[in-house]
């Protein structure tokens, strides 16, 4: 299974991840999800939460932008020989939708 990016087009953090993927010339599956969090069923199924960006690389799921960028650098960039171990950030207990999920967002600020 290859790398998959779940994102929305307008999210600054998603754009940063897409730029890193392009900069490193990484092939990936591009999945644009709905703007409204509670409709992001694919993101929830993969990560147990509704925020983007999310990447899935095999069994590894990363949900935090800084961790995603570090992982891409270390796994696919100049530091690809690194032995850093990244832990999957998929939630064991998935989030349940709340009233706050009824509007567009990318990350909690």
C-alpha atoms as a PDB file:
ATOM      1  CA  UNK A   1       0.000   0.000   0.000  1.00  0.00           C
ATOM      2  CA  UNK A   2       1.370   3.422  -0.945  1.00  0.00           C
ATOM      3  CA  UNK A   3       1.168   6.742   0.806  1.00  0.00           C
ATOM      4  CA  UNK A   4      -2.224   8.481   0.998  1.00  0.00           C
ATOM      5  CA  UNK A   5      -2.867  12.128   1.921  1.00  0.00           C
ATOM      6  CA  UNK A   6      -6.307  13.140   3.206  1.00  0.00           C
ATOM      7  CA  UNK A   7      -6.849  16.897   3.004  1.00  0.00           C
ATOM      8  CA  UNK A   8      -8.968  19.878   2.023  1.00  0.00           C
ATOM      9  CA  UNK A   9      -7.749  22.313  -0.647  1.00  0.00           C
ATOM     10  CA  UNK A  10      -7.869  25.519   1.404  1.00  0.00           C
ATOM     11  CA  UNK A  11      -6.109  24.348   4.589  1.00  0.00           C
ATOM     12  CA  UNK A  12      -2.662  25.983   5.095  1.00  0.00           C
ATOM     13  CA  UNK A  13      -1.325  22.921   6.932  1.00  0.00           C
ATOM     14  CA  UNK A  14      -2.535  20.632   4.145  1.00  0.00           C
ATOM     15  CA  UNK A  15      -0.841  22.883   1.587  1.00  0.00           C
ATOM     16  CA  UNK A  16       2.433  22.636   3.545  1.00  0.00           C
ATOM     17  CA  UNK A  17       2.235  18.827   3.466  1.00  0.00           C
ATOM     18  CA  UNK A  18       1.421  18.801  -0.270  1.00  0.00           C
ATOM     19  CA  UNK A  19       4.407  21.089  -0.936  1.00  0.00           C
ATOM     20  CA  UNK A  20       6.692  18.734   1.004  1.00  0.00           C
ATOM     21  CA  UNK A  21       5.386  15.737  -0.946  1.00  0.00           C
ATOM     22  CA  UNK A  22       6.012  17.582  -4.221  1.00  0.00           C
ATOM     23  CA  UNK A  23       9.445  18.821  -3.112  1.00  0.00           C
ATOM     24  CA  UNK A  24      10.517  15.259  -2.269  1.00  0.00           C
ATOM     25  CA  UNK A  25       8.859  13.914  -5.445  1.00  0.00           C
ATOM     26  CA  UNK A  26       6.838  11.376  -3.482  1.00  0.00           C
ATOM     27  CA  UNK A  27       4.056   9.542  -5.305  1.00  0.00           C
ATOM     28  CA  UNK A  28       0.866   9.494  -3.248  1.00  0.00           C
ATOM     29  CA  UNK A  29      -2.860   9.039  -3.468  1.00  0.00           C
ATOM     30  CA  UNK A  30      -4.582  12.421  -3.143  1.00  0.00           C
ATOM     31  CA  UNK A  31      -7.897  12.236  -1.263  1.00  0.00           C
ATOM     32  CA  UNK A  32      -9.780  15.522  -0.974  1.00  0.00           C
ATOM     33  CA  UNK A  33     -12.314  15.284   1.839  1.00  0.00           C
ATOM     34  CA  UNK A  34     -15.360  17.448   2.616  1.00  0.00           C
ATOM     35  CA  UNK A  35     -14.872  20.835   4.261  1.00  0.00           C
ATOM     36  CA  UNK A  36     -17.262  19.990   7.099  1.00  0.00           C
ATOM     37  CA  UNK A  37     -15.504  17.764   9.637  1.00  0.00           C
ATOM     38  CA  UNK A  38     -18.410  15.471  10.448  1.00  0.00           C
ATOM     39  CA  UNK A  39     -18.636  14.459   6.772  1.00  0.00           C
ATOM     40  CA  UNK A  40     -15.007  13.291   6.637  1.00  0.00           C
ATOM     41  CA  UNK A  41     -15.873   9.625   6.979  1.00  0.00           C
ATOM     42  CA  UNK A  42     -12.664   8.471   5.227  1.00  0.00           C
ATOM     43  CA  UNK A  43     -10.478  10.476   7.616  1.00  0.00           C
ATOM     44  CA  UNK A  44     -12.376   9.121  10.617  1.00  0.00           C
ATOM     45  CA  UNK A  45     -12.117   5.535   9.374  1.00  0.00           C
ATOM     46  CA  UNK A  46      -8.339   5.853   9.020  1.00  0.00           C
ATOM     47  CA  UNK A  47      -7.431   7.981  12.024  1.00  0.00           C
ATOM     48  CA  UNK A  48     -10.336   7.970  14.473  1.00  0.00           C
ATOM     49  CA  UNK A  49     -10.636  11.775  14.251  1.00  0.00           C
ATOM     50  CA  UNK A  50     -11.896  14.364  11.779  1.00  0.00           C
ATOM     51  CA  UNK A  51      -9.045  16.859  11.354  1.00  0.00           C
ATOM     52  CA  UNK A  52      -6.719  17.145   8.348  1.00  0.00           C
ATOM     53  CA  UNK A  53      -4.083  16.733   7.107  1.00  0.00           C
ATOM     54  CA  UNK A  54      -3.717  12.997   7.696  1.00  0.00           C
ATOM     55  CA  UNK A  55      -1.279  10.705   5.958  1.00  0.00           C
ATOM     56  CA  UNK A  56      -1.384   6.946   5.838  1.00  0.00           C
ATOM     57  CA  UNK A  57       1.740   5.075   4.813  1.00  0.00           C
ATOM     58  CA  UNK A  58       1.048   1.375   5.133  1.00  0.00           C
ATOM     59  CA  UNK A  59       0.024   0.797   8.760  1.00  0.00           C
ATOM     60  CA  UNK A  60       1.388   4.156   9.917  1.00  0.00           C
ATOM     61  CA  UNK A  61      -1.149   6.992  10.316  1.00  0.00           C
ATOM     62  CA  UNK A  62       0.040  10.500  11.191  1.00  0.00           C
ATOM     63  CA  UNK A  63      -2.324  13.329  12.099  1.00  0.00           C
ATOM     64  CA  UNK A  64      -0.057  16.131  13.311  1.00  0.00           C
ATOM     65  CA  UNK A  65       1.435  18.382  10.617  1.00  0.00           C
ATOM     66  CA  UNK A  66       4.855  18.738  12.265  1.00  0.00           C
ATOM     67  CA  UNK A  67       5.103  14.963  12.637  1.00  0.00           C
ATOM     68  CA  UNK A  68       3.985  14.430   9.039  1.00  0.00           C
ATOM     69  CA  UNK A  69       6.636  16.828   7.707  1.00  0.00           C
ATOM     70  CA  UNK A  70       9.370  15.273   9.883  1.00  0.00           C
ATOM     71  CA  UNK A  71       8.342  11.785   8.796  1.00  0.00           C
ATOM     72  CA  UNK A  72       8.398  12.697   5.109  1.00  0.00           C
ATOM     73  CA  UNK A  73      11.876  14.226   5.478  1.00  0.00           C
ATOM     74  CA  UNK A  74      13.245  11.258   7.379  1.00  0.00           C
ATOM     75  CA  UNK A  75      11.539   8.498   5.395  1.00  0.00           C
ATOM     76  CA  UNK A  76      11.774   9.942   1.883  1.00  0.00           C
ATOM     77  CA  UNK A  77      14.200  12.870   2.042  1.00  0.00           C
ATOM     78  CA  UNK A  78      17.885  13.310   2.722  1.00  0.00           C
ATOM     79  CA  UNK A  79      17.495  11.730   6.166  1.00  0.00           C
ATOM     80  CA  UNK A  80      15.985   8.527   4.755  1.00  0.00           C
ATOM     81  CA  UNK A  81      18.699   6.438   6.442  1.00  0.00           C
ATOM     82  CA  UNK A  82      17.472   7.642   9.859  1.00  0.00           C
ATOM     83  CA  UNK A  83      16.316   5.136  12.438  1.00  0.00           C
ATOM     84  CA  UNK A  84      13.657   7.362  14.035  1.00  0.00           C
ATOM     85  CA  UNK A  85      10.582   5.343  14.940  1.00  0.00           C
ATOM     86  CA  UNK A  86       7.282   7.074  14.266  1.00  0.00           C
ATOM     87  CA  UNK A  87       4.259   5.836  16.180  1.00  0.00           C
ATOM     88  CA  UNK A  88       0.869   5.702  14.542  1.00  0.00           C
ATOM     89  CA  UNK A  89      -1.354   8.525  15.767  1.00  0.00           C
ATOM     90  CA  UNK A  90      -4.637   6.854  14.884  1.00  0.00           C
ATOM     91  CA  UNK A  91      -6.910   7.039  17.906  1.00  0.00           C
ATOM     92  CA  UNK A  92      -7.785   3.797  19.635  1.00  0.00           C
ATOM     93  CA  UNK A  93     -11.107   5.301  20.692  1.00  0.00           C
ATOM     94  CA  UNK A  94     -12.495   7.280  17.757  1.00  0.00           C
ATOM     95  CA  UNK A  95     -13.876  10.771  18.261  1.00  0.00           C
ATOM     96  CA  UNK A  96     -17.612  11.144  18.223  1.00  0.00           C
ATOM     97  CA  UNK A  97     -19.100  14.028  16.264  1.00  0.00           C
ATOM     98  CA  UNK A  98     -19.927  17.154  18.257  1.00  0.00           C
ATOM     99  CA  UNK A  99     -21.722  20.419  17.487  1.00  0.00           C
ATOM    100  CA  UNK A 100     -18.316  21.972  16.826  1.00  0.00           C
ATOM    101  CA  UNK A 101     -17.808  19.589  13.880  1.00  0.00           C
ATOM    102  CA  UNK A 102     -20.577  21.221  11.836  1.00  0.00           C
ATOM    103  CA  UNK A 103     -18.279  23.859  10.319  1.00  0.00           C
ATOM    104  CA  UNK A 104     -15.163  23.780   8.122  1.00  0.00           C
ATOM    105  CA  UNK A 105     -11.766  23.541   9.748  1.00  0.00           C
ATOM    106  CA  UNK A 106      -8.419  21.929   9.312  1.00  0.00           C
ATOM    107  CA  UNK A 107      -6.755  21.812  12.774  1.00  0.00           C
ATOM    108  CA  UNK A 108      -7.545  22.897  16.292  1.00  0.00           C
ATOM    109  CA  UNK A 109      -5.874  26.246  16.885  1.00  0.00           C
END
